[in-house]
Amino acid sequence: MRTRADFRWLGEDDALDDVYCVSFVRDLSPREALRRFGVDESTMEEMTFDELSERSAANADGAAGCVGAVRIGGWTMVVEPGGWKLAIDSDTGARVSAGTELVSVCRHDYAADRFTCLADGEVVTSFDPIAPGAREGGDPDRFLTWMRETGLDPGDGDPPIPACFALASRITGLPFTRDLLELGFLGAEPLEQ
């Protein structure tokens, strides 16, 4: 069982920078997850995480300039360096989660962080990690026990993003380790920013 301590590397490692979204989509291929996200399919190509980050920064216009996806077990991890769409944009989240499940963690140092879980296009629960008591969605208390166990408790003083990744790990059964960023990604540029 992973705890927020397993994700402290996120605050110590600059790999993901100060704005990013990491999402996990059940039972979709990386190609299908990117297609549903709304990418220019002619820009799809294999790349490293560093190439994905560089391309995203070069093409960014208020959101990720390049989105990457990689299969991990029964899930596809989607990474938006400099982006936020799967956690915050309801249309994008609904498209990607149609007929499946999506768990998303967004860190945004210049706006608000967000944790969102969607199932079949509908928000199950969504909240700002610094105010986890103010949850929204069709079943906002579904993960309440796990939230408490992972440390998503207002006022405890610890950074909430590691706790969000611990919660995502509980929901998906997947770790999110630095090693996952060493995998080969299928990357593509979004059609719209």
Protein backbone atom coordinates (compact mmCIF):
# COMPACT_ATOMS: atom_id res chain seq x y z
CA MET A 1 0.00 0.00 0.00
CA ARG A 2 1.58 3.25 -1.15
CA THR A 3 1.53 6.36 1.01
CA ARG A 4 2.33 9.96 0.27
CA ALA A 5 5.93 9.33 1.38
CA ASP A 6 6.37 7.15 -1.74
CA PHE A 7 5.67 10.21 -3.89
CA ARG A 8 7.88 12.81 -2.20
CA TRP A 9 10.25 12.48 -5.16
CA LEU A 10 7.81 14.71 -7.05
CA GLY A 11 8.81 17.68 -4.90
CA GLU A 12 12.51 16.85 -5.03
CA ASP A 13 12.73 16.05 -8.74
CA ASP A 14 12.28 18.68 -11.43
CA ALA A 15 11.24 16.11 -14.08
CA LEU A 16 7.60 17.21 -14.11
CA ASP A 17 8.18 20.93 -13.50
CA ASP A 18 5.58 23.19 -11.84
CA VAL A 19 2.57 22.53 -14.12
CA TYR A 20 1.58 19.04 -15.24
CA CYS A 21 -1.23 16.53 -15.35
CA VAL A 22 -0.74 12.77 -14.96
CA SER A 23 -3.77 10.60 -15.66
CA PHE A 24 -4.51 6.90 -15.74
CA VAL A 25 -7.15 5.51 -18.12
CA ARG A 26 -8.37 1.92 -17.74
CA ASP A 27 -8.44 -0.43 -20.75
CA LEU A 28 -7.56 2.05 -23.51
CA SER A 29 -4.49 1.81 -25.72
CA PRO A 30 -2.16 4.82 -25.73
CA ARG A 31 -3.25 5.57 -29.33
CA GLU A 32 -6.95 5.52 -28.38
CA ALA A 33 -6.38 7.63 -25.26
CA LEU A 34 -4.58 10.27 -27.33
CA ARG A 35 -7.20 10.14 -30.09
CA ARG A 36 -9.97 10.75 -27.52
CA PHE A 37 -7.90 13.52 -25.94
CA GLY A 38 -8.06 15.31 -29.28
CA VAL A 39 -4.60 15.22 -30.83
CA ASP A 40 -3.42 15.77 -34.37
CA GLU A 41 -2.89 12.11 -35.26
CA SER A 42 -0.38 13.06 -37.97
CA THR A 43 1.97 14.22 -35.17
CA MET A 44 1.93 10.89 -33.28
CA GLU A 45 5.37 9.41 -32.77
CA GLU A 46 7.38 7.46 -30.22
CA MET A 47 9.48 9.63 -27.92
CA THR A 48 11.21 9.74 -24.57
CA PHE A 49 9.77 11.71 -21.67
CA ASP A 50 12.49 14.35 -22.12
CA GLU A 51 11.55 14.73 -25.80
CA LEU A 52 7.87 14.92 -24.81
CA SER A 53 8.62 17.68 -22.28
CA GLU A 54 10.77 19.66 -24.72
CA ARG A 55 8.20 19.39 -27.50
CA SER A 56 5.41 20.34 -25.10
CA ALA A 57 7.27 23.47 -23.97
CA ALA A 58 8.08 24.46 -27.55
CA ASN A 59 4.46 24.13 -28.69
CA ALA A 60 2.69 25.28 -25.53
CA ASP A 61 -0.01 27.92 -25.77
CA GLY A 62 -1.68 27.92 -22.34
CA ALA A 63 -1.81 24.10 -22.11
CA ALA A 64 0.44 21.14 -22.93
CA GLY A 65 1.95 21.50 -26.40
CA CYS A 66 2.45 17.75 -26.59
CA VAL A 67 0.75 14.91 -24.74
CA GLY A 68 2.27 11.48 -24.14
CA ALA A 69 0.77 8.09 -23.35
CA VAL A 70 2.23 4.73 -22.32
CA ARG A 71 0.59 1.42 -21.39
CA ILE A 72 1.13 0.15 -17.85
CA GLY A 73 -0.70 -3.09 -17.09
CA GLY A 74 -4.42 -2.63 -17.69
CA TRP A 75 -4.10 1.16 -17.71
CA THR A 76 -2.62 3.84 -19.96
CA MET A 77 -0.75 6.67 -18.28
CA VAL A 78 -1.28 10.01 -20.03
CA VAL A 79 1.16 12.81 -19.21
CA GLU A 80 0.56 16.47 -20.07
CA PRO A 81 3.78 18.40 -19.35
CA GLY A 82 2.66 21.99 -18.79
CA GLY A 83 -0.97 20.89 -19.11
CA TRP A 84 -4.14 20.37 -17.11
CA LYS A 85 -6.94 19.28 -19.46
CA LEU A 86 -7.77 15.76 -18.21
CA ALA A 87 -8.15 16.93 -14.61
CA ILE A 88 -9.92 20.22 -15.25
CA ASP A 89 -11.59 20.36 -18.67
CA SER A 90 -14.88 18.47 -18.35
CA ASP A 91 -15.32 17.92 -22.11
CA THR A 92 -11.87 16.37 -22.52
CA GLY A 93 -12.27 14.22 -19.40
CA ALA A 94 -15.71 13.02 -20.51
CA ARG A 95 -14.43 12.04 -23.98
CA VAL A 96 -11.44 10.12 -22.65
CA SER A 97 -13.39 8.36 -19.87
CA ALA A 98 -16.38 7.32 -22.02
CA GLY A 99 -17.00 3.62 -21.35
CA THR A 100 -14.07 3.41 -18.96
CA GLU A 101 -12.46 5.03 -15.91
CA LEU A 102 -10.03 7.95 -15.59
CA VAL A 103 -8.02 9.04 -12.55
CA SER A 104 -6.17 12.34 -12.90
CA VAL A 105 -3.78 14.42 -10.79
CA CYS A 106 -2.98 17.98 -11.84
CA ARG A 107 -0.34 20.23 -10.31
CA HIS A 108 -0.58 23.86 -11.32
CA ASP A 109 1.58 26.27 -9.37
CA TYR A 110 -0.03 29.33 -10.99
CA ALA A 111 -3.67 28.29 -10.62
CA ALA A 112 -5.23 25.43 -8.60
CA ASP A 113 -4.20 21.80 -8.30
CA ARG A 114 -6.90 19.20 -8.96
CA PHE A 115 -7.69 15.52 -8.34
CA THR A 116 -10.44 14.08 -10.55
CA CYS A 117 -11.90 10.63 -11.02
CA LEU A 118 -14.36 10.05 -13.87
CA ALA A 119 -16.29 6.94 -14.90
CA ASP A 120 -18.05 6.66 -18.25
CA GLY A 121 -17.89 10.39 -18.88
CA GLU A 122 -19.21 11.42 -15.46
CA VAL A 123 -17.29 12.93 -12.56
CA VAL A 124 -17.22 10.52 -9.61
CA THR A 125 -15.24 12.86 -7.39
CA SER A 126 -13.17 15.97 -7.95
CA PHE A 127 -11.48 18.32 -5.50
CA ASP A 128 -8.73 20.82 -4.89
CA PRO A 129 -6.12 18.90 -2.84
CA ILE A 130 -5.71 21.75 -0.35
CA ALA A 131 -9.46 21.63 0.34
CA PRO A 132 -10.38 17.93 0.01
CA GLY A 133 -13.47 18.45 2.14
CA ALA A 134 -15.10 20.40 -0.71
CA ARG A 135 -15.59 17.50 -3.12
CA GLU A 136 -17.83 17.52 -6.19
CA GLY A 137 -19.23 14.72 -8.34
CA GLY A 138 -21.82 11.97 -8.44
CA ASP A 139 -20.20 9.95 -5.62
CA PRO A 140 -17.87 12.41 -3.88
CA ASP A 141 -17.35 10.18 -0.82
CA ARG A 142 -16.45 6.99 -2.74
CA PHE A 143 -12.76 7.21 -1.79
CA LEU A 144 -13.13 9.01 1.55
CA THR A 145 -11.47 6.24 3.60
CA TRP A 146 -8.52 6.08 1.21
CA MET A 147 -8.30 9.87 1.17
CA ARG A 148 -7.90 9.91 4.93
CA GLU A 149 -5.39 7.03 4.84
CA THR A 150 -3.26 8.80 2.23
CA GLY A 151 -3.24 12.08 4.14
CA LEU A 152 -5.67 14.22 2.19
CA ASP A 153 -6.69 16.10 5.28
CA PRO A 154 -7.06 19.87 5.30
CA GLY A 155 -4.76 21.61 7.70
CA ASP A 156 -2.13 18.89 8.13
CA GLY A 157 0.52 21.09 6.49
CA ASP A 158 2.03 18.47 4.16
CA PRO A 159 2.08 19.08 0.40
CA PRO A 160 -1.08 17.51 -1.04
CA ILE A 161 0.19 16.34 -4.46
CA PRO A 162 2.07 13.30 -3.07
CA ALA A 163 -1.12 12.31 -1.23
CA CYS A 164 -3.10 12.65 -4.49
CA PHE A 165 -0.71 10.26 -6.21
CA ALA A 166 -1.02 7.86 -3.26
CA LEU A 167 -4.82 7.98 -3.72
CA ALA A 168 -4.49 7.46 -7.49
CA SER A 169 -2.25 4.46 -6.77
CA ARG A 170 -4.89 2.98 -4.46
CA ILE A 171 -7.62 3.42 -7.08
CA THR A 172 -5.61 2.07 -10.03
CA GLY A 173 -3.36 -0.41 -8.26
CA LEU A 174 -0.42 1.17 -10.10
CA PRO A 175 2.66 2.82 -8.68
CA PHE A 176 3.75 6.15 -10.08
CA THR A 177 7.51 6.02 -9.80
CA ARG A 178 10.26 8.07 -11.42
CA ASP A 179 11.11 4.93 -13.44
CA LEU A 180 7.80 5.19 -15.34
CA LEU A 181 9.08 8.41 -16.90
CA GLU A 182 11.89 6.35 -18.47
CA LEU A 183 9.42 4.37 -20.61
CA GLY A 184 8.87 5.10 -24.28
CA PHE A 185 5.83 7.31 -24.86
CA LEU A 186 3.55 7.73 -27.82
CA GLY A 187 3.34 11.50 -28.10
CA ALA A 188 1.24 13.90 -30.16
CA GLU A 189 0.28 17.56 -30.35
CA PRO A 190 -3.25 18.54 -29.27
CA LEU A 191 -5.58 19.87 -31.97
CA GLU A 192 -6.74 22.73 -29.75
CA GLN A 193 -5.12 24.45 -26.81
